[in-house]
């Protein structure tokens, strides 16, 4: 069992572990534990057997205890914990698995059978960090890419939007300092080639932002699909796009998992943290200025600590436009 109950993008990146284990041990039965809402990523997956779901929104710890007992009864041979939090560390220890693996930064890592160093260094991607967890059970020396499997029904669902050349744009992020300002996205849309359609992607919560962009842009062919597609459907649509414009957020990793062309915008964070795009065709777009305050943290923030947000406002829209030349 592979444990990754964090956000959507983290689960997408953790699929690389499943890819590697399946290649190394095709006879193994592989299961995932994810937070409620991320299970749709594995719909009709060709080799993931079971998805355990932790509902963190209703009776979080009561559900955790129920899961713990059920997982212990499953008698796993191996449990791989990709996270560094106490709750999943305790679940790993109590799983009763014959072999437990996780990062040394987990508070209970000292109780795992194997605790692997977690390093955030330039040149080390998150998939490389996760790959290190498998060093004792996999013969492969390089990390696999994350991968999603949109089935025929998903492909048929998105085919209606693929009749003309198009790009996808996912303008939102959970964190303010990871999100290019809406005025910048609007400028991009206004200058978009007239022959390309643009589909705005995101969750239900992102729909107001996408509505604002559609209402104010001068581009004639913009459609708001935020909240209408689940993550797997969004990934399938992104796979056929001429270019996908994303922040440093989950849609970036959806694009990587279907090898879709990606223009990734980095505002307060930097690719050196290990969350950059992995698609064969990708571009990293960031400020040309050297800012002493950037990066201002490993993760995004709710507001710019310096109040000027120059890491975003100084990003030239031309750099985004050039990705579709």
C-alpha atoms as a PDB file:
ATOM      1  CA  UNK A   1       0.000   0.000   0.000  1.00  0.00           C
ATOM      2  CA  UNK A   2       1.152   3.508  -0.888  1.00  0.00           C
ATOM      3  CA  UNK A   3       0.011   6.291   1.459  1.00  0.00           C
ATOM      4  CA  UNK A   4      -0.445   9.809   0.077  1.00  0.00           C
ATOM      5  CA  UNK A   5      -3.364  11.658   1.677  1.00  0.00           C
ATOM      6  CA  UNK A   6      -2.188  15.184   0.829  1.00  0.00           C
ATOM      7  CA  UNK A   7      -3.495  17.363  -1.993  1.00  0.00           C
ATOM      8  CA  UNK A   8      -4.310  16.371  -5.557  1.00  0.00           C
ATOM      9  CA  UNK A   9      -0.943  17.262  -7.090  1.00  0.00           C
ATOM     10  CA  UNK A  10       0.937  15.250  -4.460  1.00  0.00           C
ATOM     11  CA  UNK A  11      -1.150  12.171  -5.263  1.00  0.00           C
ATOM     12  CA  UNK A  12      -0.515  12.603  -8.991  1.00  0.00           C
ATOM     13  CA  UNK A  13       3.237  12.689  -8.371  1.00  0.00           C
ATOM     14  CA  UNK A  14       2.984   9.615  -6.147  1.00  0.00           C
ATOM     15  CA  UNK A  15       1.600   7.610  -9.074  1.00  0.00           C
ATOM     16  CA  UNK A  16       5.223   7.377 -10.238  1.00  0.00           C
ATOM     17  CA  UNK A  17       5.797   4.994  -7.313  1.00  0.00           C
ATOM     18  CA  UNK A  18       3.007   2.772  -8.569  1.00  0.00           C
ATOM     19  CA  UNK A  19       4.488   2.819 -12.066  1.00  0.00           C
ATOM     20  CA  UNK A  20       7.902   1.758 -10.780  1.00  0.00           C
ATOM     21  CA  UNK A  21       6.608  -0.958  -8.463  1.00  0.00           C
ATOM     22  CA  UNK A  22       4.414  -2.418 -11.192  1.00  0.00           C
ATOM     23  CA  UNK A  23       7.376  -2.525 -13.574  1.00  0.00           C
ATOM     24  CA  UNK A  24       9.616  -4.092 -10.925  1.00  0.00           C
ATOM     25  CA  UNK A  25       7.055  -6.535  -9.516  1.00  0.00           C
ATOM     26  CA  UNK A  26       4.173  -7.056 -11.973  1.00  0.00           C
ATOM     27  CA  UNK A  27       2.720  -9.803  -9.757  1.00  0.00           C
ATOM     28  CA  UNK A  28       2.338  -7.512  -6.717  1.00  0.00           C
ATOM     29  CA  UNK A  29      -1.102  -6.212  -5.798  1.00  0.00           C
ATOM     30  CA  UNK A  30      -0.880  -2.445  -5.376  1.00  0.00           C
ATOM     31  CA  UNK A  31      -3.240  -0.294  -3.328  1.00  0.00           C
ATOM     32  CA  UNK A  32      -3.348   3.448  -2.559  1.00  0.00           C
ATOM     33  CA  UNK A  33      -4.605   5.408   0.432  1.00  0.00           C
ATOM     34  CA  UNK A  34      -5.748   8.926  -0.529  1.00  0.00           C
ATOM     35  CA  UNK A  35      -7.895  11.667   0.962  1.00  0.00           C
ATOM     36  CA  UNK A  36     -11.545  11.793  -0.044  1.00  0.00           C
ATOM     37  CA  UNK A  37     -11.932  13.640  -3.346  1.00  0.00           C
ATOM     38  CA  UNK A  38      -8.768  12.304  -4.977  1.00  0.00           C
ATOM     39  CA  UNK A  39     -10.012   8.772  -5.613  1.00  0.00           C
ATOM     40  CA  UNK A  40     -11.372   9.692  -9.055  1.00  0.00           C
ATOM     41  CA  UNK A  41      -7.785   9.839 -10.337  1.00  0.00           C
ATOM     42  CA  UNK A  42      -7.703   6.040 -10.234  1.00  0.00           C
ATOM     43  CA  UNK A  43     -11.013   5.289 -11.945  1.00  0.00           C
ATOM     44  CA  UNK A  44     -10.557   2.195 -14.146  1.00  0.00           C
ATOM     45  CA  UNK A  45      -6.813   2.145 -13.397  1.00  0.00           C
ATOM     46  CA  UNK A  46      -5.264  -0.890 -15.108  1.00  0.00           C
ATOM     47  CA  UNK A  47      -3.189  -2.195 -12.183  1.00  0.00           C
ATOM     48  CA  UNK A  48      -4.160  -0.442  -8.944  1.00  0.00           C
ATOM     49  CA  UNK A  49      -6.309  -2.972  -7.075  1.00  0.00           C
ATOM     50  CA  UNK A  50      -7.930  -0.975  -4.277  1.00  0.00           C
ATOM     51  CA  UNK A  51      -8.250   2.648  -3.197  1.00  0.00           C
ATOM     52  CA  UNK A  52      -8.583   3.343   0.502  1.00  0.00           C
ATOM     53  CA  UNK A  53     -10.220   6.721   1.200  1.00  0.00           C
ATOM     54  CA  UNK A  54      -9.672   8.875   4.277  1.00  0.00           C
ATOM     55  CA  UNK A  55     -12.444  11.426   4.753  1.00  0.00           C
ATOM     56  CA  UNK A  56     -10.724  14.336   6.475  1.00  0.00           C
ATOM     57  CA  UNK A  57     -13.772  16.605   6.413  1.00  0.00           C
ATOM     58  CA  UNK A  58     -16.239  14.610   8.545  1.00  0.00           C
ATOM     59  CA  UNK A  59     -15.218  12.923  11.811  1.00  0.00           C
ATOM     60  CA  UNK A  60     -11.603  12.948  10.633  1.00  0.00           C
ATOM     61  CA  UNK A  61     -10.034  11.013  13.495  1.00  0.00           C
ATOM     62  CA  UNK A  62     -12.901   8.590  13.972  1.00  0.00           C
ATOM     63  CA  UNK A  63     -12.545   7.693  10.291  1.00  0.00           C
ATOM     64  CA  UNK A  64      -8.770   7.443  10.716  1.00  0.00           C
ATOM     65  CA  UNK A  65      -9.239   4.850  13.453  1.00  0.00           C
ATOM     66  CA  UNK A  66     -11.665   2.855  11.323  1.00  0.00           C
ATOM     67  CA  UNK A  67      -9.173   2.911   8.464  1.00  0.00           C
ATOM     68  CA  UNK A  68      -6.365   1.860  10.755  1.00  0.00           C
ATOM     69  CA  UNK A  69      -8.249  -1.249  11.883  1.00  0.00           C
ATOM     70  CA  UNK A  70      -9.281  -2.152   8.336  1.00  0.00           C
ATOM     71  CA  UNK A  71      -5.765  -1.693   6.980  1.00  0.00           C
ATOM     72  CA  UNK A  72      -4.301  -3.746   9.801  1.00  0.00           C
ATOM     73  CA  UNK A  73      -6.741  -6.526   8.919  1.00  0.00           C
ATOM     74  CA  UNK A  74      -5.571  -6.395   5.289  1.00  0.00           C
ATOM     75  CA  UNK A  75      -2.132  -7.642   6.435  1.00  0.00           C
ATOM     76  CA  UNK A  76       0.031  -5.786   3.937  1.00  0.00           C
ATOM     77  CA  UNK A  77       3.490  -7.075   3.139  1.00  0.00           C
ATOM     78  CA  UNK A  78       4.777  -3.565   2.426  1.00  0.00           C
ATOM     79  CA  UNK A  79       3.488  -0.108   3.352  1.00  0.00           C
ATOM     80  CA  UNK A  80       5.149   2.939   1.756  1.00  0.00           C
ATOM     81  CA  UNK A  81       4.361   6.275   3.389  1.00  0.00           C
ATOM     82  CA  UNK A  82       5.137   9.234   1.130  1.00  0.00           C
ATOM     83  CA  UNK A  83       4.133  11.801   3.763  1.00  0.00           C
ATOM     84  CA  UNK A  84       5.907  13.399   6.689  1.00  0.00           C
ATOM     85  CA  UNK A  85       2.985  13.821   9.086  1.00  0.00           C
ATOM     86  CA  UNK A  86       2.310  12.137  12.407  1.00  0.00           C
ATOM     87  CA  UNK A  87      -1.150  10.816  11.468  1.00  0.00           C
ATOM     88  CA  UNK A  88       0.062   8.770   8.490  1.00  0.00           C
ATOM     89  CA  UNK A  89       3.239   7.848  10.368  1.00  0.00           C
ATOM     90  CA  UNK A  90       1.163   6.308  13.151  1.00  0.00           C
ATOM     91  CA  UNK A  91      -1.056   4.542  10.627  1.00  0.00           C
ATOM     92  CA  UNK A  92       2.092   3.107   9.010  1.00  0.00           C
ATOM     93  CA  UNK A  93       3.429   1.851  12.333  1.00  0.00           C
ATOM     94  CA  UNK A  94       0.083   0.352  13.370  1.00  0.00           C
ATOM     95  CA  UNK A  95      -0.565  -1.234   9.970  1.00  0.00           C
ATOM     96  CA  UNK A  96       1.181  -4.426  11.033  1.00  0.00           C
ATOM     97  CA  UNK A  97       2.897  -4.577   7.651  1.00  0.00           C
ATOM     98  CA  UNK A  98       5.882  -6.835   7.288  1.00  0.00           C
ATOM     99  CA  UNK A  99       7.995  -3.962   5.947  1.00  0.00           C
ATOM    100  CA  UNK A 100       7.341  -0.248   6.387  1.00  0.00           C
ATOM    101  CA  UNK A 101       9.090   2.535   4.489  1.00  0.00           C
ATOM    102  CA  UNK A 102       8.914   6.303   4.874  1.00  0.00           C
ATOM    103  CA  UNK A 103      10.911   9.479   5.200  1.00  0.00           C
ATOM    104  CA  UNK A 104      13.170  10.194   8.145  1.00  0.00           C
ATOM    105  CA  UNK A 105      11.427  13.566   8.591  1.00  0.00           C
ATOM    106  CA  UNK A 106       8.230  11.804   9.612  1.00  0.00           C
ATOM    107  CA  UNK A 107       7.915  12.172  13.411  1.00  0.00           C
ATOM    108  CA  UNK A 108       7.590   8.383  13.680  1.00  0.00           C
ATOM    109  CA  UNK A 109      10.192   7.584  11.026  1.00  0.00           C
ATOM    110  CA  UNK A 110      12.428   5.993  13.650  1.00  0.00           C
ATOM    111  CA  UNK A 111       9.802   3.241  14.003  1.00  0.00           C
ATOM    112  CA  UNK A 112       9.722   2.395  10.290  1.00  0.00           C
ATOM    113  CA  UNK A 113      11.728  -0.569   9.063  1.00  0.00           C
ATOM    114  CA  UNK A 114      13.404   1.799   6.610  1.00  0.00           C
ATOM    115  CA  UNK A 115      13.573   5.592   6.992  1.00  0.00           C
ATOM    116  CA  UNK A 116      14.913   7.408   3.933  1.00  0.00           C
ATOM    117  CA  UNK A 117      16.478  10.891   3.996  1.00  0.00           C
ATOM    118  CA  UNK A 118      14.192  13.589   2.585  1.00  0.00           C
ATOM    119  CA  UNK A 119      16.216  16.177   0.671  1.00  0.00           C
ATOM    120  CA  UNK A 120      15.082  19.395  -0.934  1.00  0.00           C
ATOM    121  CA  UNK A 121      17.997  20.381  -3.136  1.00  0.00           C
ATOM    122  CA  UNK A 122      18.348  21.860  -6.639  1.00  0.00           C
ATOM    123  CA  UNK A 123      18.093  19.150  -9.276  1.00  0.00           C
ATOM    124  CA  UNK A 124      16.065  16.772  -7.107  1.00  0.00           C
ATOM    125  CA  UNK A 125      12.435  16.507  -8.200  1.00  0.00           C
ATOM    126  CA  UNK A 126       9.656  15.251  -5.939  1.00  0.00           C
ATOM    127  CA  UNK A 127       9.480  12.062  -8.030  1.00  0.00           C
ATOM    128  CA  UNK A 128      13.193  11.538  -7.269  1.00  0.00           C
ATOM    129  CA  UNK A 129      12.556  11.952  -3.550  1.00  0.00           C
ATOM    130  CA  UNK A 130       9.710   9.438  -3.736  1.00  0.00           C
ATOM    131  CA  UNK A 131      11.826   7.099  -5.867  1.00  0.00           C
ATOM    132  CA  UNK A 132      14.399   6.998  -3.063  1.00  0.00           C
ATOM    133  CA  UNK A 133      11.804   5.267  -0.884  1.00  0.00           C
ATOM    134  CA  UNK A 134      11.941   2.265  -3.221  1.00  0.00           C
ATOM    135  CA  UNK A 135      15.711   1.728  -3.202  1.00  0.00           C
ATOM    136  CA  UNK A 136      15.433  -1.493  -1.159  1.00  0.00           C
ATOM    137  CA  UNK A 137      12.588  -3.046  -3.162  1.00  0.00           C
ATOM    138  CA  UNK A 138      13.148  -1.869  -6.752  1.00  0.00           C
ATOM    139  CA  UNK A 139      16.035  -2.524  -9.165  1.00  0.00           C
ATOM    140  CA  UNK A 140      15.511   0.740 -11.036  1.00  0.00           C
ATOM    141  CA  UNK A 141      18.038   3.515 -10.526  1.00  0.00           C
ATOM    142  CA  UNK A 142      15.966   6.339 -12.008  1.00  0.00           C
ATOM    143  CA  UNK A 143      12.544   7.614 -11.075  1.00  0.00           C
ATOM    144  CA  UNK A 144       9.557   6.855 -13.252  1.00  0.00           C
ATOM    145  CA  UNK A 145       7.195   9.587 -14.397  1.00  0.00           C
ATOM    146  CA  UNK A 146       3.773   9.992 -12.857  1.00  0.00           C
ATOM    147  CA  UNK A 147       1.033   8.614 -15.058  1.00  0.00           C
ATOM    148  CA  UNK A 148      -2.752   8.728 -15.238  1.00  0.00           C
ATOM    149  CA  UNK A 149      -5.015   6.488 -17.284  1.00  0.00           C
ATOM    150  CA  UNK A 150      -8.095   8.234 -18.708  1.00  0.00           C
ATOM    151  CA  UNK A 151     -10.214   5.373 -20.035  1.00  0.00           C
ATOM    152  CA  UNK A 152     -12.485   5.312 -23.097  1.00  0.00           C
ATOM    153  CA  UNK A 153     -15.423   6.826 -21.224  1.00  0.00           C
ATOM    154  CA  UNK A 154     -13.271   9.765 -20.123  1.00  0.00           C
ATOM    155  CA  UNK A 155     -11.939  10.244 -23.646  1.00  0.00           C
ATOM    156  CA  UNK A 156     -15.476  10.254 -25.024  1.00  0.00           C
ATOM    157  CA  UNK A 157     -16.557  12.781 -22.413  1.00  0.00           C
ATOM    158  CA  UNK A 158     -13.924  15.352 -23.430  1.00  0.00           C
ATOM    159  CA  UNK A 159     -14.039  14.680 -27.191  1.00  0.00           C
ATOM    160  CA  UNK A 160     -16.759  17.315 -27.623  1.00  0.00           C
ATOM    161  CA  UNK A 161     -14.229  20.047 -26.808  1.00  0.00           C
ATOM    162  CA  UNK A 162     -11.484  18.692 -29.045  1.00  0.00           C
ATOM    163  CA  UNK A 163     -12.947  19.418 -32.473  1.00  0.00           C
ATOM    164  CA  UNK A 164     -10.827  22.563 -32.980  1.00  0.00           C
ATOM    165  CA  UNK A 165      -7.263  23.542 -31.957  1.00  0.00           C
ATOM    166  CA  UNK A 166      -7.270  24.673 -28.348  1.00  0.00           C
ATOM    167  CA  UNK A 167      -5.272  25.540 -25.256  1.00  0.00           C
ATOM    168  CA  UNK A 168      -6.148  25.011 -21.605  1.00  0.00           C
ATOM    169  CA  UNK A 169      -5.646  27.563 -18.859  1.00  0.00           C
ATOM    170  CA  UNK A 170      -5.916  26.745 -15.144  1.00  0.00           C
ATOM    171  CA  UNK A 171      -5.654  30.196 -13.521  1.00  0.00           C
ATOM    172  CA  UNK A 172      -6.210  29.365  -9.858  1.00  0.00           C
ATOM    173  CA  UNK A 173      -4.183  28.057  -6.940  1.00  0.00           C
ATOM    174  CA  UNK A 174      -4.993  27.298  -3.333  1.00  0.00           C
ATOM    175  CA  UNK A 175      -2.259  29.778  -2.375  1.00  0.00           C
ATOM    176  CA  UNK A 176      -2.331  33.464  -3.344  1.00  0.00           C
ATOM    177  CA  UNK A 177       1.436  33.738  -3.893  1.00  0.00           C
ATOM    178  CA  UNK A 178       1.454  30.760  -6.261  1.00  0.00           C
ATOM    179  CA  UNK A 179      -1.182  32.277  -8.526  1.00  0.00           C
ATOM    180  CA  UNK A 180      -0.499  34.681 -11.360  1.00  0.00           C
ATOM    181  CA  UNK A 181      -2.797  37.714 -10.841  1.00  0.00           C
ATOM    182  CA  UNK A 182      -6.040  37.558 -12.788  1.00  0.00           C
ATOM    183  CA  UNK A 183      -5.098  40.776 -14.612  1.00  0.00           C
ATOM    184  CA  UNK A 184      -2.056  38.998 -16.044  1.00  0.00           C
ATOM    185  CA  UNK A 185      -4.144  36.030 -17.161  1.00  0.00           C
ATOM    186  CA  UNK A 186      -6.613  38.459 -18.733  1.00  0.00           C
ATOM    187  CA  UNK A 187      -3.818  40.158 -20.652  1.00  0.00           C
ATOM    188  CA  UNK A 188      -2.735  36.756 -21.950  1.00  0.00           C
ATOM    189  CA  UNK A 189      -6.270  35.889 -23.073  1.00  0.00           C
ATOM    190  CA  UNK A 190      -6.708  39.260 -24.804  1.00  0.00           C
ATOM    191  CA  UNK A 191      -3.547  38.670 -26.821  1.00  0.00           C
ATOM    192  CA  UNK A 192      -4.267  35.034 -27.656  1.00  0.00           C
ATOM    193  CA  UNK A 193      -4.189  33.900 -31.308  1.00  0.00           C
ATOM    194  CA  UNK A 194      -7.695  34.218 -32.706  1.00  0.00           C
ATOM    195  CA  UNK A 195      -7.688  30.722 -34.204  1.00  0.00           C
ATOM    196  CA  UNK A 196      -7.285  28.969 -30.852  1.00  0.00           C
ATOM    197  CA  UNK A 197     -10.032  28.167 -28.412  1.00  0.00           C
ATOM    198  CA  UNK A 198      -9.236  28.458 -24.700  1.00  0.00           C
ATOM    199  CA  UNK A 199     -10.747  26.211 -22.030  1.00  0.00           C
ATOM    200  CA  UNK A 200     -10.566  27.470 -18.446  1.00  0.00           C
ATOM    201  CA  UNK A 201     -10.040  24.605 -15.992  1.00  0.00           C
ATOM    202  CA  UNK A 202     -10.308  24.270 -12.239  1.00  0.00           C
ATOM    203  CA  UNK A 203     -12.515  23.171  -9.374  1.00  0.00           C
ATOM    204  CA  UNK A 204     -15.976  24.429  -8.485  1.00  0.00           C
ATOM    205  CA  UNK A 205     -14.313  26.951  -6.190  1.00  0.00           C
ATOM    206  CA  UNK A 206     -12.324  28.331  -9.121  1.00  0.00           C
ATOM    207  CA  UNK A 207     -15.397  29.025 -11.215  1.00  0.00           C
ATOM    208  CA  UNK A 208     -15.896  32.671 -10.102  1.00  0.00           C
ATOM    209  CA  UNK A 209     -12.337  33.543 -11.180  1.00  0.00           C
ATOM    210  CA  UNK A 210     -12.852  31.778 -14.516  1.00  0.00           C
ATOM    211  CA  UNK A 211     -16.221  33.520 -14.949  1.00  0.00           C
ATOM    212  CA  UNK A 212     -14.470  36.866 -14.417  1.00  0.00           C
ATOM    213  CA  UNK A 213     -11.866  36.069 -17.053  1.00  0.00           C
ATOM    214  CA  UNK A 214     -14.465  34.934 -19.578  1.00  0.00           C
ATOM    215  CA  UNK A 215     -16.576  38.036 -18.958  1.00  0.00           C
ATOM    216  CA  UNK A 216     -13.743  40.543 -19.323  1.00  0.00           C
ATOM    217  CA  UNK A 217     -11.602  39.061 -22.079  1.00  0.00           C
ATOM    218  CA  UNK A 218     -11.766  40.280 -25.662  1.00  0.00           C
ATOM    219  CA  UNK A 219     -10.886  36.813 -26.940  1.00  0.00           C
ATOM    220  CA  UNK A 220     -13.956  35.421 -28.648  1.00  0.00           C
ATOM    221  CA  UNK A 221     -13.424  31.726 -27.992  1.00  0.00           C
ATOM    222  CA  UNK A 222     -13.121  31.199 -24.232  1.00  0.00           C
ATOM    223  CA  UNK A 223     -15.180  28.565 -22.401  1.00  0.00           C
ATOM    224  CA  UNK A 224     -15.334  28.080 -18.646  1.00  0.00           C
ATOM    225  CA  UNK A 225     -15.157  24.385 -17.721  1.00  0.00           C
ATOM    226  CA  UNK A 226     -14.157  24.916 -14.080  1.00  0.00           C
ATOM    227  CA  UNK A 227     -16.159  22.566 -11.899  1.00  0.00           C
ATOM    228  CA  UNK A 228     -17.533  20.636 -14.873  1.00  0.00           C
ATOM    229  CA  UNK A 229     -14.671  18.162 -15.254  1.00  0.00           C
ATOM    230  CA  UNK A 230     -13.132  15.900 -12.641  1.00  0.00           C
ATOM    231  CA  UNK A 231      -9.313  15.782 -12.451  1.00  0.00           C
ATOM    232  CA  UNK A 232      -9.000  12.768 -14.747  1.00  0.00           C
ATOM    233  CA  UNK A 233     -11.221  14.414 -17.360  1.00  0.00           C
ATOM    234  CA  UNK A 234      -9.224  17.631 -17.069  1.00  0.00           C
ATOM    235  CA  UNK A 235      -6.027  15.667 -17.651  1.00  0.00           C
ATOM    236  CA  UNK A 236      -7.521  14.007 -20.728  1.00  0.00           C
ATOM    237  CA  UNK A 237      -8.484  17.396 -22.162  1.00  0.00           C
ATOM    238  CA  UNK A 238      -5.032  18.804 -21.386  1.00  0.00           C
ATOM    239  CA  UNK A 239      -3.409  15.901 -23.229  1.00  0.00           C
ATOM    240  CA  UNK A 240      -4.792  17.150 -26.545  1.00  0.00           C
ATOM    241  CA  UNK A 241      -4.077  20.843 -26.017  1.00  0.00           C
ATOM    242  CA  UNK A 242      -1.616  22.880 -28.038  1.00  0.00           C
ATOM    243  CA  UNK A 243      -0.396  24.303 -24.719  1.00  0.00           C
ATOM    244  CA  UNK A 244      -1.497  24.190 -21.081  1.00  0.00           C
ATOM    245  CA  UNK A 245      -0.995  27.292 -18.930  1.00  0.00           C
ATOM    246  CA  UNK A 246      -0.752  26.506 -15.226  1.00  0.00           C
ATOM    247  CA  UNK A 247       0.522  27.833 -11.915  1.00  0.00           C
ATOM    248  CA  UNK A 248       2.773  25.874  -9.580  1.00  0.00           C
ATOM    249  CA  UNK A 249      -0.227  23.783  -8.527  1.00  0.00           C
ATOM    250  CA  UNK A 250      -2.121  20.559  -9.188  1.00  0.00           C
ATOM    251  CA  UNK A 251      -2.935  21.157 -12.896  1.00  0.00           C
ATOM    252  CA  UNK A 252       0.811  21.338 -13.580  1.00  0.00           C
ATOM    253  CA  UNK A 253       1.162  17.761 -12.335  1.00  0.00           C
ATOM    254  CA  UNK A 254      -1.951  16.597 -14.193  1.00  0.00           C
ATOM    255  CA  UNK A 255      -0.247  17.800 -17.375  1.00  0.00           C
ATOM    256  CA  UNK A 256       2.951  15.943 -16.470  1.00  0.00           C
ATOM    257  CA  UNK A 257       1.002  12.726 -15.861  1.00  0.00           C
ATOM    258  CA  UNK A 258      -0.394  12.711 -19.416  1.00  0.00           C
ATOM    259  CA  UNK A 259       2.771  14.173 -21.000  1.00  0.00           C
ATOM    260  CA  UNK A 260       0.894  17.287 -22.127  1.00  0.00           C
ATOM    261  CA  UNK A 261       2.751  20.459 -23.252  1.00  0.00           C
ATOM    262  CA  UNK A 262       3.068  22.738 -20.262  1.00  0.00           C
ATOM    263  CA  UNK A 263       3.804  26.407 -19.597  1.00  0.00           C
ATOM    264  CA  UNK A 264       4.295  26.542 -15.837  1.00  0.00           C
ATOM    265  CA  UNK A 265       4.235  29.878 -14.016  1.00  0.00           C
ATOM    266  CA  UNK A 266       6.290  30.177 -10.827  1.00  0.00           C
ATOM    267  CA  UNK A 267       5.641  33.248  -8.702  1.00  0.00           C
ATOM    268  CA  UNK A 268       6.796  33.031  -5.067  1.00  0.00           C
ATOM    269  CA  UNK A 269       8.062  29.451  -5.345  1.00  0.00           C
ATOM    270  CA  UNK A 270      10.880  28.175  -7.564  1.00  0.00           C
ATOM    271  CA  UNK A 271      11.347  25.024  -9.679  1.00  0.00           C
ATOM    272  CA  UNK A 272      14.410  24.127  -7.589  1.00  0.00           C
ATOM    273  CA  UNK A 273      12.032  22.947  -4.860  1.00  0.00           C
ATOM    274  CA  UNK A 274      11.330  19.934  -7.084  1.00  0.00           C
ATOM    275  CA  UNK A 275       7.815  20.477  -8.371  1.00  0.00           C
ATOM    276  CA  UNK A 276       8.502  21.568 -11.934  1.00  0.00           C
ATOM    277  CA  UNK A 277       6.880  20.173 -15.095  1.00  0.00           C
ATOM    278  CA  UNK A 278       7.963  16.769 -16.412  1.00  0.00           C
ATOM    279  CA  UNK A 279       6.305  16.678 -19.843  1.00  0.00           C
ATOM    280  CA  UNK A 280       8.550  16.312 -22.885  1.00  0.00           C
ATOM    281  CA  UNK A 281       7.486  19.794 -24.020  1.00  0.00           C
ATOM    282  CA  UNK A 282       7.501  22.256 -21.159  1.00  0.00           C
ATOM    283  CA  UNK A 283       8.390  25.836 -20.341  1.00  0.00           C
ATOM    284  CA  UNK A 284       9.072  27.504 -17.017  1.00  0.00           C
ATOM    285  CA  UNK A 285       7.927  31.111 -16.840  1.00  0.00           C
ATOM    286  CA  UNK A 286       9.044  33.340 -13.974  1.00  0.00           C
ATOM    287  CA  UNK A 287      10.130  36.872 -13.215  1.00  0.00           C
ATOM    288  CA  UNK A 288      13.316  38.078 -14.926  1.00  0.00           C
ATOM    289  CA  UNK A 289      14.129  40.134 -11.811  1.00  0.00           C
ATOM    290  CA  UNK A 290      16.438  38.952  -9.061  1.00  0.00           C
ATOM    291  CA  UNK A 291      14.408  39.400  -5.903  1.00  0.00           C
ATOM    292  CA  UNK A 292      15.995  38.995  -2.484  1.00  0.00           C
ATOM    293  CA  UNK A 293      12.631  37.924  -1.086  1.00  0.00           C
ATOM    294  CA  UNK A 294      12.100  35.083  -3.569  1.00  0.00           C
ATOM    295  CA  UNK A 295      11.405  32.347  -2.714  1.00  0.00           C
ATOM    296  CA  UNK A 296       9.598  33.407   0.431  1.00  0.00           C
ATOM    297  CA  UNK A 297       8.943  29.834   1.547  1.00  0.00           C
ATOM    298  CA  UNK A 298       8.705  26.244   0.437  1.00  0.00           C
ATOM    299  CA  UNK A 299       4.939  26.493   0.020  1.00  0.00           C
ATOM    300  CA  UNK A 300       2.630  29.269  -1.062  1.00  0.00           C
ATOM    301  CA  UNK A 301       1.342  32.020   1.217  1.00  0.00           C
ATOM    302  CA  UNK A 302      -2.020  33.698   1.648  1.00  0.00           C
ATOM    303  CA  UNK A 303      -0.468  37.076   0.868  1.00  0.00           C
ATOM    304  CA  UNK A 304       2.836  38.604  -0.180  1.00  0.00           C
ATOM    305  CA  UNK A 305       4.958  39.251   2.949  1.00  0.00           C
ATOM    306  CA  UNK A 306       6.461  42.332   1.270  1.00  0.00           C
ATOM    307  CA  UNK A 307       3.081  43.580  -0.006  1.00  0.00           C
ATOM    308  CA  UNK A 308       4.381  44.235  -3.543  1.00  0.00           C
ATOM    309  CA  UNK A 309       4.111  40.713  -5.073  1.00  0.00           C
ATOM    310  CA  UNK A 310       6.768  41.599  -7.631  1.00  0.00           C
ATOM    311  CA  UNK A 311       7.553  37.931  -8.245  1.00  0.00           C
ATOM    312  CA  UNK A 312       4.201  37.783 -10.062  1.00  0.00           C
ATOM    313  CA  UNK A 313       3.562  41.285 -11.383  1.00  0.00           C
ATOM    314  CA  UNK A 314       6.926  41.407 -13.173  1.00  0.00           C
ATOM    315  CA  UNK A 315       6.333  38.190 -15.142  1.00  0.00           C
ATOM    316  CA  UNK A 316       6.086  39.222 -18.811  1.00  0.00           C
ATOM    317  CA  UNK A 317       3.007  37.972 -20.650  1.00  0.00           C
ATOM    318  CA  UNK A 318       5.178  37.765 -23.788  1.00  0.00           C
ATOM    319  CA  UNK A 319       7.007  34.824 -22.199  1.00  0.00           C
ATOM    320  CA  UNK A 320       3.703  32.940 -22.005  1.00  0.00           C
ATOM    321  CA  UNK A 321       2.702  33.866 -25.543  1.00  0.00           C
ATOM    322  CA  UNK A 322       5.997  32.652 -26.927  1.00  0.00           C
ATOM    323  CA  UNK A 323       5.229  29.102 -25.745  1.00  0.00           C
ATOM    324  CA  UNK A 324       2.603  28.765 -28.483  1.00  0.00           C
ATOM    325  CA  UNK A 325       4.666  30.240 -31.327  1.00  0.00           C
END
